[in-house]
Amino acid sequence: MYSMLISTEIILEYEEVIGRHMGLDITNDVLSDLDQFHNVSLINLYYRWNLIHNDWDDNKFIDCAIAGNADCIVTNDKHLLG
């Protein structure tokens, strides 16, 4: 079983990207659904590691993974893949 870790910053990015591509109704449905899944955990971030220098905006995913004690990060983002 896996868990999805999200932070407020990640939710805001999801809202922006989904809204841009699919509109407000779909965005609201997706964000509402995230709140209902038992395997989604909201992580509070208290420290910024700033490990990604090529795209500072990607640091939110690293920070969330560290704060949530994640085993791995699933991504197709070239900045996070190294």
PDB file of N, CA and C in Angstrom:
ATOM      1  N   MET A   1       0.845  -1.179   0.000  1.00  0.00           N
ATOM      2  CA  MET A   1       0.000   0.000   0.000  1.00  0.00           C
ATOM      3  C   MET A   1       0.888   1.239   0.000  1.00  0.00           C
ATOM      4  N   TYR A   2       0.489   2.242  -0.715  1.00  0.00           N
ATOM      5  CA  TYR A   2       1.250   3.481  -0.780  1.00  0.00           C
ATOM      6  C   TYR A   2       0.433   4.613  -0.162  1.00  0.00           C
ATOM      7  N   SER A   3       1.127   5.663   0.188  1.00  0.00           N
ATOM      8  CA  SER A   3       0.493   6.891   0.653  1.00  0.00           C
ATOM      9  C   SER A   3       0.956   8.035  -0.226  1.00  0.00           C
ATOM     10  N   MET A   4       0.068   8.948  -0.468  1.00  0.00           N
ATOM     11  CA  MET A   4       0.407  10.155  -1.221  1.00  0.00           C
ATOM     12  C   MET A   4       0.567  11.285  -0.216  1.00  0.00           C
ATOM     13  N   LEU A   5       1.710  11.920  -0.225  1.00  0.00           N
ATOM     14  CA  LEU A   5       1.979  13.031   0.676  1.00  0.00           C
ATOM     15  C   LEU A   5       1.832  14.340  -0.088  1.00  0.00           C
ATOM     16  N   ILE A   6       1.072  15.259   0.468  1.00  0.00           N
ATOM     17  CA  ILE A   6       0.889  16.559  -0.166  1.00  0.00           C
ATOM     18  C   ILE A   6       1.037  17.655   0.890  1.00  0.00           C
ATOM     19  N   SER A   7       1.378  18.819   0.434  1.00  0.00           N
ATOM     20  CA  SER A   7       1.467  19.990   1.307  1.00  0.00           C
ATOM     21  C   SER A   7       0.544  21.059   0.727  1.00  0.00           C
ATOM     22  N   THR A   8       0.353  22.111   1.457  1.00  0.00           N
ATOM     23  CA  THR A   8      -0.478  23.215   0.968  1.00  0.00           C
ATOM     24  C   THR A   8       0.091  23.774  -0.335  1.00  0.00           C
ATOM     25  N   GLU A   9       1.413  23.889  -0.426  1.00  0.00           N
ATOM     26  CA  GLU A   9       2.036  24.401  -1.655  1.00  0.00           C
ATOM     27  C   GLU A   9       1.772  23.475  -2.845  1.00  0.00           C
ATOM     28  N   ILE A  10       1.793  22.177  -2.611  1.00  0.00           N
ATOM     29  CA  ILE A  10       1.523  21.210  -3.680  1.00  0.00           C
ATOM     30  C   ILE A  10       0.067  21.312  -4.123  1.00  0.00           C
ATOM     31  N   ILE A  11      -0.846  21.428  -3.174  1.00  0.00           N
ATOM     32  CA  ILE A  11      -2.260  21.576  -3.513  1.00  0.00           C
ATOM     33  C   ILE A  11      -2.480  22.829  -4.356  1.00  0.00           C
ATOM     34  N   LEU A  12      -1.824  23.921  -3.996  1.00  0.00           N
ATOM     35  CA  LEU A  12      -1.964  25.156  -4.776  1.00  0.00           C
ATOM     36  C   LEU A  12      -1.431  24.992  -6.195  1.00  0.00           C
ATOM     37  N   GLU A  13      -0.352  24.243  -6.358  1.00  0.00           N
ATOM     38  CA  GLU A  13       0.156  23.994  -7.712  1.00  0.00           C
ATOM     39  C   GLU A  13      -0.801  23.107  -8.498  1.00  0.00           C
ATOM     40  N   TYR A  14      -1.333  22.068  -7.864  1.00  0.00           N
ATOM     41  CA  TYR A  14      -2.330  21.217  -8.527  1.00  0.00           C
ATOM     42  C   TYR A  14      -3.521  22.067  -8.975  1.00  0.00           C
ATOM     43  N   GLU A  15      -3.967  22.956  -8.093  1.00  0.00           N
ATOM     44  CA  GLU A  15      -5.107  23.814  -8.414  1.00  0.00           C
ATOM     45  C   GLU A  15      -4.810  24.675  -9.642  1.00  0.00           C
ATOM     46  N   GLU A  16      -3.624  25.250  -9.685  1.00  0.00           N
ATOM     47  CA  GLU A  16      -3.244  26.101 -10.814  1.00  0.00           C
ATOM     48  C   GLU A  16      -3.146  25.319 -12.117  1.00  0.00           C
ATOM     49  N   VAL A  17      -2.446  24.196 -12.092  1.00  0.00           N
ATOM     50  CA  VAL A  17      -2.195  23.436 -13.319  1.00  0.00           C
ATOM     51  C   VAL A  17      -3.471  22.766 -13.833  1.00  0.00           C
ATOM     52  N   ILE A  18      -4.210  22.117 -12.948  1.00  0.00           N
ATOM     53  CA  ILE A  18      -5.449  21.458 -13.378  1.00  0.00           C
ATOM     54  C   ILE A  18      -6.445  22.509 -13.869  1.00  0.00           C
ATOM     55  N   GLY A  19      -6.530  23.628 -13.154  1.00  0.00           N
ATOM     56  CA  GLY A  19      -7.443  24.698 -13.564  1.00  0.00           C
ATOM     57  C   GLY A  19      -7.109  25.253 -14.937  1.00  0.00           C
ATOM     58  N   ARG A  20      -5.833  25.401 -15.212  1.00  0.00           N
ATOM     59  CA  ARG A  20      -5.391  25.936 -16.510  1.00  0.00           C
ATOM     60  C   ARG A  20      -5.751  24.986 -17.649  1.00  0.00           C
ATOM     61  N   HIS A  21      -5.671  23.693 -17.401  1.00  0.00           N
ATOM     62  CA  HIS A  21      -5.880  22.717 -18.468  1.00  0.00           C
ATOM     63  C   HIS A  21      -7.302  22.169 -18.538  1.00  0.00           C
ATOM     64  N   MET A  22      -8.002  22.134 -17.396  1.00  0.00           N
ATOM     65  CA  MET A  22      -9.294  21.447 -17.384  1.00  0.00           C
ATOM     66  C   MET A  22     -10.453  22.271 -16.837  1.00  0.00           C
ATOM     67  N   GLY A  23     -10.191  23.434 -16.309  1.00  0.00           N
ATOM     68  CA  GLY A  23     -11.262  24.290 -15.834  1.00  0.00           C
ATOM     69  C   GLY A  23     -11.552  24.138 -14.344  1.00  0.00           C
ATOM     70  N   LEU A  24     -12.372  25.056 -13.860  1.00  0.00           N
ATOM     71  CA  LEU A  24     -12.658  25.167 -12.440  1.00  0.00           C
ATOM     72  C   LEU A  24     -13.442  23.974 -11.881  1.00  0.00           C
ATOM     73  N   ASP A  25     -14.425  23.476 -12.614  1.00  0.00           N
ATOM     74  CA  ASP A  25     -15.240  22.365 -12.108  1.00  0.00           C
ATOM     75  C   ASP A  25     -14.409  21.106 -11.878  1.00  0.00           C
ATOM     76  N   ILE A  26     -13.584  20.757 -12.845  1.00  0.00           N
ATOM     77  CA  ILE A  26     -12.730  19.570 -12.713  1.00  0.00           C
ATOM     78  C   ILE A  26     -11.732  19.776 -11.582  1.00  0.00           C
ATOM     79  N   THR A  27     -11.166  20.969 -11.498  1.00  0.00           N
ATOM     80  CA  THR A  27     -10.205  21.283 -10.431  1.00  0.00           C
ATOM     81  C   THR A  27     -10.839  21.072  -9.063  1.00  0.00           C
ATOM     82  N   ASN A  28     -12.025  21.622  -8.869  1.00  0.00           N
ATOM     83  CA  ASN A  28     -12.720  21.463  -7.591  1.00  0.00           C
ATOM     84  C   ASN A  28     -13.018  19.997  -7.283  1.00  0.00           C
ATOM     85  N   ASP A  29     -13.406  19.228  -8.294  1.00  0.00           N
ATOM     86  CA  ASP A  29     -13.677  17.796  -8.101  1.00  0.00           C
ATOM     87  C   ASP A  29     -12.420  17.046  -7.681  1.00  0.00           C
ATOM     88  N   VAL A  30     -11.313  17.310  -8.354  1.00  0.00           N
ATOM     89  CA  VAL A  30     -10.056  16.611  -8.051  1.00  0.00           C
ATOM     90  C   VAL A  30      -9.585  16.947  -6.637  1.00  0.00           C
ATOM     91  N   LEU A  31      -9.594  18.220  -6.282  1.00  0.00           N
ATOM     92  CA  LEU A  31      -9.133  18.612  -4.952  1.00  0.00           C
ATOM     93  C   LEU A  31     -10.061  18.089  -3.862  1.00  0.00           C
ATOM     94  N   SER A  32     -11.338  18.054  -4.144  1.00  0.00           N
ATOM     95  CA  SER A  32     -12.290  17.492  -3.188  1.00  0.00           C
ATOM     96  C   SER A  32     -12.058  15.996  -3.012  1.00  0.00           C
ATOM     97  N   ASP A  33     -11.785  15.309  -4.112  1.00  0.00           N
ATOM     98  CA  ASP A  33     -11.515  13.867  -4.053  1.00  0.00           C
ATOM     99  C   ASP A  33     -10.251  13.578  -3.245  1.00  0.00           C
ATOM    100  N   LEU A  34      -9.221  14.391  -3.416  1.00  0.00           N
ATOM    101  CA  LEU A  34      -7.983  14.181  -2.657  1.00  0.00           C
ATOM    102  C   LEU A  34      -8.244  14.180  -1.157  1.00  0.00           C
ATOM    103  N   ASP A  35      -9.149  15.023  -0.741  1.00  0.00           N
ATOM    104  CA  ASP A  35      -9.483  15.134   0.678  1.00  0.00           C
ATOM    105  C   ASP A  35     -10.211  13.890   1.199  1.00  0.00           C
ATOM    106  N   GLN A  36     -10.802  13.112   0.309  1.00  0.00           N
ATOM    107  CA  GLN A  36     -11.594  11.946   0.710  1.00  0.00           C
ATOM    108  C   GLN A  36     -10.793  10.643   0.773  1.00  0.00           C
ATOM    109  N   PHE A  37      -9.667  10.588   0.086  1.00  0.00           N
ATOM    110  CA  PHE A  37      -8.883   9.353   0.039  1.00  0.00           C
ATOM    111  C   PHE A  37      -8.172   9.105   1.358  1.00  0.00           C
ATOM    112  N   HIS A  38      -8.250   7.883   1.860  1.00  0.00           N
ATOM    113  CA  HIS A  38      -7.636   7.553   3.148  1.00  0.00           C
ATOM    114  C   HIS A  38      -6.111   7.470   3.072  1.00  0.00           C
ATOM    115  N   ASN A  39      -5.565   7.342   1.869  1.00  0.00           N
ATOM    116  CA  ASN A  39      -4.115   7.209   1.740  1.00  0.00           C
ATOM    117  C   ASN A  39      -3.426   8.510   1.317  1.00  0.00           C
ATOM    118  N   VAL A  40      -4.106   9.637   1.448  1.00  0.00           N
ATOM    119  CA  VAL A  40      -3.517  10.945   1.169  1.00  0.00           C
ATOM    120  C   VAL A  40      -3.301  11.653   2.499  1.00  0.00           C
ATOM    121  N   SER A  41      -2.064  12.090   2.734  1.00  0.00           N
ATOM    122  CA  SER A  41      -1.722  12.755   3.990  1.00  0.00           C
ATOM    123  C   SER A  41      -1.242  14.174   3.727  1.00  0.00           C
ATOM    124  N   LEU A  42      -1.838  15.127   4.428  1.00  0.00           N
ATOM    125  CA  LEU A  42      -1.399  16.513   4.345  1.00  0.00           C
ATOM    126  C   LEU A  42      -0.229  16.700   5.297  1.00  0.00           C
ATOM    127  N   ILE A  43       0.897  17.131   4.755  1.00  0.00           N
ATOM    128  CA  ILE A  43       2.133  17.305   5.517  1.00  0.00           C
ATOM    129  C   ILE A  43       2.369  18.797   5.750  1.00  0.00           C
ATOM    130  N   ASN A  44       2.602  19.159   6.993  1.00  0.00           N
ATOM    131  CA  ASN A  44       2.958  20.536   7.327  1.00  0.00           C
ATOM    132  C   ASN A  44       4.465  20.701   7.197  1.00  0.00           C
ATOM    133  N   LEU A  45       4.873  21.696   6.445  1.00  0.00           N
ATOM    134  CA  LEU A  45       6.289  21.936   6.220  1.00  0.00           C
ATOM    135  C   LEU A  45       6.794  23.018   7.172  1.00  0.00           C
ATOM    136  N   TYR A  46       7.855  22.689   7.897  1.00  0.00           N
ATOM    137  CA  TYR A  46       8.434  23.632   8.845  1.00  0.00           C
ATOM    138  C   TYR A  46       9.845  24.052   8.459  1.00  0.00           C
ATOM    139  N   TYR A  47      10.389  23.424   7.406  1.00  0.00           N
ATOM    140  CA  TYR A  47      11.755  23.740   6.993  1.00  0.00           C
ATOM    141  C   TYR A  47      11.860  23.631   5.479  1.00  0.00           C
ATOM    142  N   ARG A  48      12.594  24.505   4.872  1.00  0.00           N
ATOM    143  CA  ARG A  48      12.834  24.495   3.420  1.00  0.00           C
ATOM    144  C   ARG A  48      14.271  24.068   3.173  1.00  0.00           C
ATOM    145  N   TRP A  49      14.456  22.950   2.497  1.00  0.00           N
ATOM    146  CA  TRP A  49      15.797  22.427   2.232  1.00  0.00           C
ATOM    147  C   TRP A  49      16.466  23.100   1.046  1.00  0.00           C
ATOM    148  N   ASN A  50      15.683  23.551   0.060  1.00  0.00           N
ATOM    149  CA  ASN A  50      16.221  24.219  -1.135  1.00  0.00           C
ATOM    150  C   ASN A  50      17.316  23.399  -1.814  1.00  0.00           C
ATOM    151  N   LEU A  51      17.020  22.136  -2.078  1.00  0.00           N
ATOM    152  CA  LEU A  51      17.987  21.227  -2.693  1.00  0.00           C
ATOM    153  C   LEU A  51      18.005  21.299  -4.215  1.00  0.00           C
ATOM    154  N   ILE A  52      16.918  21.755  -4.842  1.00  0.00           N
ATOM    155  CA  ILE A  52      16.831  21.842  -6.296  1.00  0.00           C
ATOM    156  C   ILE A  52      17.159  23.277  -6.705  1.00  0.00           C
ATOM    157  N   HIS A  53      18.231  23.450  -7.451  1.00  0.00           N
ATOM    158  CA  HIS A  53      18.661  24.795  -7.831  1.00  0.00           C
ATOM    159  C   HIS A  53      18.227  25.176  -9.246  1.00  0.00           C
ATOM    160  N   ASN A  54      17.941  24.188 -10.095  1.00  0.00           N
ATOM    161  CA  ASN A  54      17.565  24.471 -11.483  1.00  0.00           C
ATOM    162  C   ASN A  54      16.123  24.932 -11.629  1.00  0.00           C
ATOM    163  N   ASP A  55      15.278  24.563 -10.673  1.00  0.00           N
ATOM    164  CA  ASP A  55      13.872  24.964 -10.694  1.00  0.00           C
ATOM    165  C   ASP A  55      13.395  25.040  -9.246  1.00  0.00           C
ATOM    166  N   TRP A  56      13.539  26.208  -8.644  1.00  0.00           N
ATOM    167  CA  TRP A  56      13.265  26.384  -7.210  1.00  0.00           C
ATOM    168  C   TRP A  56      11.858  25.947  -6.836  1.00  0.00           C
ATOM    169  N   ASP A  57      10.916  26.055  -7.766  1.00  0.00           N
ATOM    170  CA  ASP A  57       9.529  25.699  -7.496  1.00  0.00           C
ATOM    171  C   ASP A  57       9.365  24.205  -7.201  1.00  0.00           C
ATOM    172  N   ASP A  58      10.294  23.385  -7.659  1.00  0.00           N
ATOM    173  CA  ASP A  58      10.224  21.931  -7.413  1.00  0.00           C
ATOM    174  C   ASP A  58      10.606  21.554  -5.988  1.00  0.00           C
ATOM    175  N   ASN A  59      11.203  22.462  -5.258  1.00  0.00           N
ATOM    176  CA  ASN A  59      11.629  22.157  -3.892  1.00  0.00           C
ATOM    177  C   ASN A  59      10.468  21.758  -2.988  1.00  0.00           C
ATOM    178  N   LYS A  60       9.270  22.210  -3.301  1.00  0.00           N
ATOM    179  CA  LYS A  60       8.116  21.859  -2.472  1.00  0.00           C
ATOM    180  C   LYS A  60       7.908  20.351  -2.400  1.00  0.00           C
ATOM    181  N   PHE A  61       8.252  19.631  -3.460  1.00  0.00           N
ATOM    182  CA  PHE A  61       8.077  18.179  -3.481  1.00  0.00           C
ATOM    183  C   PHE A  61       9.145  17.481  -2.632  1.00  0.00           C
ATOM    184  N   ILE A  62      10.370  17.972  -2.704  1.00  0.00           N
ATOM    185  CA  ILE A  62      11.445  17.428  -1.876  1.00  0.00           C
ATOM    186  C   ILE A  62      11.166  17.703  -0.408  1.00  0.00           C
ATOM    187  N   ASP A  63      10.780  18.924  -0.099  1.00  0.00           N
ATOM    188  CA  ASP A  63      10.484  19.293   1.285  1.00  0.00           C
ATOM    189  C   ASP A  63       9.364  18.432   1.860  1.00  0.00           C
ATOM    190  N   CYS A  64       8.326  18.188   1.074  1.00  0.00           N
ATOM    191  CA  CYS A  64       7.213  17.368   1.520  1.00  0.00           C
ATOM    192  C   CYS A  64       7.661  15.923   1.744  1.00  0.00           C
ATOM    193  N   ALA A  65       8.471  15.403   0.846  1.00  0.00           N
ATOM    194  CA  ALA A  65       8.961  14.025   0.975  1.00  0.00           C
ATOM    195  C   ALA A  65       9.809  13.859   2.235  1.00  0.00           C
ATOM    196  N   ILE A  66      10.666  14.822   2.499  1.00  0.00           N
ATOM    197  CA  ILE A  66      11.514  14.747   3.692  1.00  0.00           C
ATOM    198  C   ILE A  66      10.663  14.860   4.954  1.00  0.00           C
ATOM    199  N   ALA A  67       9.773  15.855   4.994  1.00  0.00           N
ATOM    200  CA  ALA A  67       8.936  16.073   6.181  1.00  0.00           C
ATOM    201  C   ALA A  67       8.000  14.896   6.435  1.00  0.00           C
ATOM    202  N   GLY A  68       7.572  14.237   5.366  1.00  0.00           N
ATOM    203  CA  GLY A  68       6.654  13.102   5.497  1.00  0.00           C
ATOM    204  C   GLY A  68       7.348  11.765   5.605  1.00  0.00           C
ATOM    205  N   ASN A  69       8.684  11.785   5.638  1.00  0.00           N
ATOM    206  CA  ASN A  69       9.466  10.556   5.748  1.00  0.00           C
ATOM    207  C   ASN A  69       9.132   9.566   4.623  1.00  0.00           C
ATOM    208  N   ALA A  70       9.078  10.089   3.400  1.00  0.00           N
ATOM    209  CA  ALA A  70       8.728   9.267   2.231  1.00  0.00           C
ATOM    210  C   ALA A  70       9.841   8.271   1.904  1.00  0.00           C
ATOM    211  N   ASP A  71       9.452   7.140   1.375  1.00  0.00           N
ATOM    212  CA  ASP A  71      10.407   6.139   0.914  1.00  0.00           C
ATOM    213  C   ASP A  71      10.902   6.455  -0.496  1.00  0.00           C
ATOM    214  N   CYS A  72      10.066   7.114  -1.283  1.00  0.00           N
ATOM    215  CA  CYS A  72      10.456   7.446  -2.655  1.00  0.00           C
ATOM    216  C   CYS A  72       9.614   8.607  -3.151  1.00  0.00           C
ATOM    217  N   ILE A  73      10.049   9.177  -4.272  1.00  0.00           N
ATOM    218  CA  ILE A  73       9.301  10.213  -4.963  1.00  0.00           C
ATOM    219  C   ILE A  73       9.020   9.691  -6.361  1.00  0.00           C
ATOM    220  N   VAL A  74       7.764   9.700  -6.751  1.00  0.00           N
ATOM    221  CA  VAL A  74       7.376   9.264  -8.090  1.00  0.00           C
ATOM    222  C   VAL A  74       7.192  10.517  -8.936  1.00  0.00           C
ATOM    223  N   THR A  75       8.007  10.654  -9.974  1.00  0.00           N
ATOM    224  CA  THR A  75       7.972  11.862 -10.801  1.00  0.00           C
ATOM    225  C   THR A  75       8.491  11.580 -12.207  1.00  0.00           C
ATOM    226  N   ASN A  76       8.158  12.480 -13.085  1.00  0.00           N
ATOM    227  CA  ASN A  76       8.729  12.493 -14.430  1.00  0.00           C
ATOM    228  C   ASN A  76       9.397  13.860 -14.663  1.00  0.00           C
ATOM    229  N   ASP A  77       9.623  14.604 -13.594  1.00  0.00           N
ATOM    230  CA  ASP A  77      10.205  15.939 -13.666  1.00  0.00           C
ATOM    231  C   ASP A  77      11.720  15.823 -13.785  1.00  0.00           C
ATOM    232  N   LYS A  78      12.287  16.408 -14.827  1.00  0.00           N
ATOM    233  CA  LYS A  78      13.718  16.277 -15.084  1.00  0.00           C
ATOM    234  C   LYS A  78      14.574  16.890 -13.978  1.00  0.00           C
ATOM    235  N   HIS A  79      14.077  17.907 -13.289  1.00  0.00           N
ATOM    236  CA  HIS A  79      14.848  18.517 -12.212  1.00  0.00           C
ATOM    237  C   HIS A  79      14.904  17.631 -10.974  1.00  0.00           C
ATOM    238  N   LEU A  80      13.867  16.860 -10.749  1.00  0.00           N
ATOM    239  CA  LEU A  80      13.840  15.969  -9.600  1.00  0.00           C
ATOM    240  C   LEU A  80      14.549  14.642  -9.884  1.00  0.00           C
ATOM    241  N   LEU A  81      14.674  14.309 -11.146  1.00  0.00           N
ATOM    242  CA  LEU A  81      15.328  13.044 -11.516  1.00  0.00           C
ATOM    243  C   LEU A  81      16.849  13.157 -11.489  1.00  0.00           C
ATOM    244  N   GLY A  82      17.363  14.381 -11.435  1.00  0.00           N
ATOM    245  CA  GLY A  82      18.796  14.560 -11.306  1.00  0.00           C
ATOM    246  C   GLY A  82      19.446  14.834 -12.582  1.00  0.00           C
TER     247      GLY A  82
END
